[in-house]
Amino acid sequence: MRPRPRVADALFRAGLFVLPFAVAFVYVVSMLPLMPIEQWRTIVGGMGLYLLAPVGTEVVVPVVVILLQEAGAATHVVVLGVASIALVDVFTALFFLWNWDLVERIPYLGRAVQRVEDRCRRIVETPSGMLNSIGLANIGVHNFIDEKLPYLRQVDTKVIVNIAASSLAGRSVASSGRNSDARR
């Protein structure tokens, strides 16, 4: 596979940066024909309040519901208002998912994120063993399928295998297996 040119990489990254905002914008604009403009403003204001203010859904949702009911909103508009506030989390998650390396570079926020990451426990002891989340070096999916999997099939126990990949190509190799026998 040939590497992408730098311009293509830059355009791809710009697309990942803009896409969550574009999806949110299209969603917000698509609500306009469904309700009067005052009710639309209430919902969009609630979405903004939830995104920017240090309050949670336990404050924003009741406020938006009360304001919509006072404005005489239909039930579907109230439900749409509550769902819209929940969708703020989805749009934010998409942004973080696609732009995590950029988030870590934002002044103050990046340092706060790194402090939380550093404090997270990487190994947790449980009564039945240890859970590990440090990403140990391994032999790779192809060698695992060829060398380790035949032995594990002979053992009279359940085996849980966790596969992580840094690219879609790696995930497709892991999910399809090296041969048809690997899926059993």
Protein backbone atom coordinates (compact mmCIF):
# COMPACT_ATOMS: atom_id res chain seq x y z
CA MET A 1 0.00 0.00 0.00
CA ARG A 2 1.41 3.38 -1.01
CA PRO A 3 1.58 6.10 1.63
CA ARG A 4 -0.82 9.00 1.20
CA PRO A 5 0.64 12.34 0.14
CA ARG A 6 0.89 15.02 2.83
CA VAL A 7 -1.88 17.08 1.23
CA ALA A 8 -4.23 14.11 1.37
CA ASP A 9 -3.31 13.53 5.03
CA ALA A 10 -3.94 17.19 5.85
CA LEU A 11 -7.32 17.12 4.10
CA PHE A 12 -8.25 13.89 5.85
CA ARG A 13 -7.36 15.34 9.28
CA ALA A 14 -9.24 18.55 8.49
CA GLY A 15 -12.25 16.44 7.54
CA LEU A 16 -12.08 14.52 10.83
CA PHE A 17 -11.86 17.82 12.70
CA VAL A 18 -14.83 19.42 10.91
CA LEU A 19 -17.09 16.38 10.51
CA PRO A 20 -18.55 16.27 14.07
CA PHE A 21 -19.40 19.99 13.82
CA ALA A 22 -20.92 19.48 10.37
CA VAL A 23 -23.06 16.56 11.55
CA ALA A 24 -24.24 18.59 14.55
CA PHE A 25 -25.02 21.57 12.30
CA VAL A 26 -27.03 19.45 9.87
CA TYR A 27 -28.92 17.90 12.79
CA VAL A 28 -29.74 21.28 14.36
CA VAL A 29 -30.87 22.78 11.04
CA SER A 30 -32.96 19.70 10.20
CA MET A 31 -35.04 20.30 13.34
CA LEU A 32 -36.24 23.70 12.07
CA PRO A 33 -39.19 22.44 9.99
CA LEU A 34 -40.41 20.26 12.85
CA MET A 35 -41.33 23.02 15.31
CA PRO A 36 -41.84 26.75 15.80
CA ILE A 37 -38.66 28.81 15.90
CA GLU A 38 -39.07 29.68 19.62
CA GLN A 39 -39.13 26.00 20.57
CA TRP A 40 -36.18 25.33 18.26
CA ARG A 41 -34.22 28.10 20.00
CA THR A 42 -35.03 26.56 23.38
CA ILE A 43 -33.69 23.17 22.30
CA VAL A 44 -30.57 24.60 20.66
CA GLY A 45 -29.99 26.77 23.72
CA GLY A 46 -30.28 23.70 25.93
CA MET A 47 -27.76 21.88 23.75
CA GLY A 48 -25.36 24.83 24.05
CA LEU A 49 -25.89 25.08 27.79
CA TYR A 50 -25.17 21.39 28.23
CA LEU A 51 -22.04 21.65 26.08
CA LEU A 52 -20.54 24.79 27.64
CA ALA A 53 -21.88 25.20 31.16
CA PRO A 54 -20.58 23.13 34.07
CA VAL A 55 -23.99 21.53 34.63
CA GLY A 56 -25.18 18.09 33.67
CA THR A 57 -28.28 16.62 32.10
CA GLU A 58 -29.93 16.54 35.53
CA VAL A 59 -30.16 20.35 35.30
CA VAL A 60 -30.45 21.03 31.57
CA VAL A 61 -33.09 18.43 30.65
CA PRO A 62 -35.69 19.53 33.24
CA VAL A 63 -35.13 23.20 32.35
CA VAL A 64 -35.62 22.52 28.63
CA VAL A 65 -38.68 20.31 29.28
CA ILE A 66 -40.29 22.98 31.48
CA LEU A 67 -39.57 25.75 28.95
CA LEU A 68 -40.96 23.66 26.08
CA GLN A 69 -44.10 22.72 28.03
CA GLU A 70 -44.68 26.37 28.96
CA ALA A 71 -44.37 27.23 25.26
CA GLY A 72 -47.08 24.65 24.46
CA ALA A 73 -44.75 22.27 22.62
CA ALA A 74 -46.13 19.01 21.30
CA THR A 75 -44.93 15.78 22.90
CA HIS A 76 -42.70 14.93 19.94
CA VAL A 77 -40.93 18.28 20.33
CA VAL A 78 -40.27 17.66 24.03
CA VAL A 79 -38.91 14.18 23.25
CA LEU A 80 -36.78 15.65 20.47
CA GLY A 81 -35.46 18.24 22.92
CA VAL A 82 -34.37 15.60 25.42
CA ALA A 83 -32.82 13.45 22.67
CA SER A 84 -31.01 16.49 21.27
CA ILE A 85 -29.35 17.18 24.60
CA ALA A 86 -28.22 13.54 24.75
CA LEU A 87 -26.86 13.85 21.22
CA VAL A 88 -24.45 16.54 22.40
CA ASP A 89 -22.54 13.71 24.10
CA VAL A 90 -22.47 11.79 20.81
CA PHE A 91 -21.15 14.76 18.84
CA THR A 92 -18.53 15.45 21.51
CA ALA A 93 -17.49 11.80 21.61
CA LEU A 94 -17.05 11.77 17.83
CA PHE A 95 -14.82 14.84 18.05
CA PHE A 96 -12.68 13.30 20.81
CA LEU A 97 -12.53 9.93 19.07
CA TRP A 98 -11.36 11.36 15.77
CA ASN A 99 -9.12 14.11 17.21
CA TRP A 100 -7.64 12.75 20.45
CA ASP A 101 -4.06 13.67 19.54
CA LEU A 102 -5.18 17.26 18.91
CA VAL A 103 -7.14 17.39 22.17
CA GLU A 104 -3.99 16.48 24.07
CA ARG A 105 -2.24 19.52 22.53
CA ILE A 106 -4.86 22.08 23.59
CA PRO A 107 -3.42 24.31 26.35
CA TYR A 108 -4.81 23.52 29.82
CA LEU A 109 -7.19 20.84 28.51
CA GLY A 110 -4.35 18.73 27.12
CA ARG A 111 -2.42 18.90 30.37
CA ALA A 112 -5.54 18.00 32.34
CA VAL A 113 -6.21 15.02 30.06
CA GLN A 114 -2.62 13.82 30.44
CA ARG A 115 -2.80 14.10 34.24
CA VAL A 116 -5.94 11.97 34.27
CA GLU A 117 -4.33 9.44 31.95
CA ASP A 118 -1.26 9.26 34.21
CA ARG A 119 -3.44 8.64 37.29
CA CYS A 120 -5.46 5.88 35.67
CA ARG A 121 -4.66 2.47 36.98
CA ARG A 122 -3.03 0.32 34.36
CA ILE A 123 -3.08 -2.93 36.38
CA VAL A 124 -5.96 -3.93 38.64
CA GLU A 125 -5.80 -6.95 40.94
CA THR A 126 -9.00 -8.95 41.35
CA PRO A 127 -9.78 -12.07 43.42
CA SER A 128 -9.53 -14.19 40.27
CA GLY A 129 -6.41 -12.64 38.75
CA MET A 130 -5.12 -9.40 37.28
CA LEU A 131 -6.48 -7.10 34.59
CA ASN A 132 -3.83 -5.41 32.52
CA SER A 133 -4.24 -2.43 30.21
CA ILE A 134 -0.67 -1.51 29.41
CA GLY A 135 -0.35 -2.93 25.91
CA LEU A 136 2.30 -5.61 26.26
CA ALA A 137 4.41 -6.57 23.27
CA ASN A 138 3.13 -9.66 21.52
CA ILE A 139 3.84 -11.97 18.60
CA GLY A 140 1.24 -10.50 16.24
CA VAL A 141 -2.07 -11.79 14.98
CA HIS A 142 -0.67 -14.04 12.24
CA ASN A 143 1.77 -15.80 14.56
CA PHE A 144 -0.91 -16.06 17.24
CA ILE A 145 -3.27 -17.81 14.81
CA ASP A 146 -0.56 -20.10 13.47
CA GLU A 147 1.35 -20.89 16.69
CA LYS A 148 -0.81 -20.32 19.78
CA LEU A 149 -4.36 -20.97 18.63
CA PRO A 150 -3.86 -24.69 17.84
CA TYR A 151 -2.69 -25.33 21.42
CA LEU A 152 -5.48 -23.22 22.95
CA ARG A 153 -8.08 -25.33 21.13
CA GLN A 154 -6.76 -28.42 22.93
CA VAL A 155 -7.09 -26.88 26.40
CA ASP A 156 -10.35 -27.69 28.17
CA THR A 157 -11.24 -24.10 29.09
CA LYS A 158 -12.75 -20.98 27.63
CA VAL A 159 -10.23 -18.61 26.07
CA ILE A 160 -10.78 -14.88 25.71
CA VAL A 161 -8.59 -13.09 23.18
CA ASN A 162 -8.49 -9.31 22.98
CA ILE A 163 -7.31 -7.90 19.67
CA ALA A 164 -6.48 -4.24 19.17
CA ALA A 165 -5.11 -2.68 16.01
CA SER A 166 -3.94 0.78 15.10
CA SER A 167 -5.36 0.69 11.59
CA LEU A 168 -8.41 -0.62 9.78
CA ALA A 169 -6.18 -2.99 7.85
CA GLY A 170 -5.00 -4.55 11.12
CA ARG A 171 -8.56 -4.94 12.34
CA SER A 172 -9.69 -6.64 9.17
CA VAL A 173 -6.82 -9.13 9.37
CA ALA A 174 -7.67 -9.85 13.00
CA SER A 175 -11.38 -10.29 12.35
CA SER A 176 -11.07 -12.43 9.25
CA GLY A 177 -8.35 -14.70 10.63
CA ARG A 178 -5.39 -16.12 8.74
CA ASN A 179 -7.31 -19.14 7.54
CA SER A 180 -10.83 -20.47 7.76
CA ASP A 181 -9.86 -22.66 10.73
CA ALA A 182 -9.01 -19.61 12.90
CA ARG A 183 -12.62 -18.61 13.53
CA ARG A 184 -13.68 -21.73 15.41
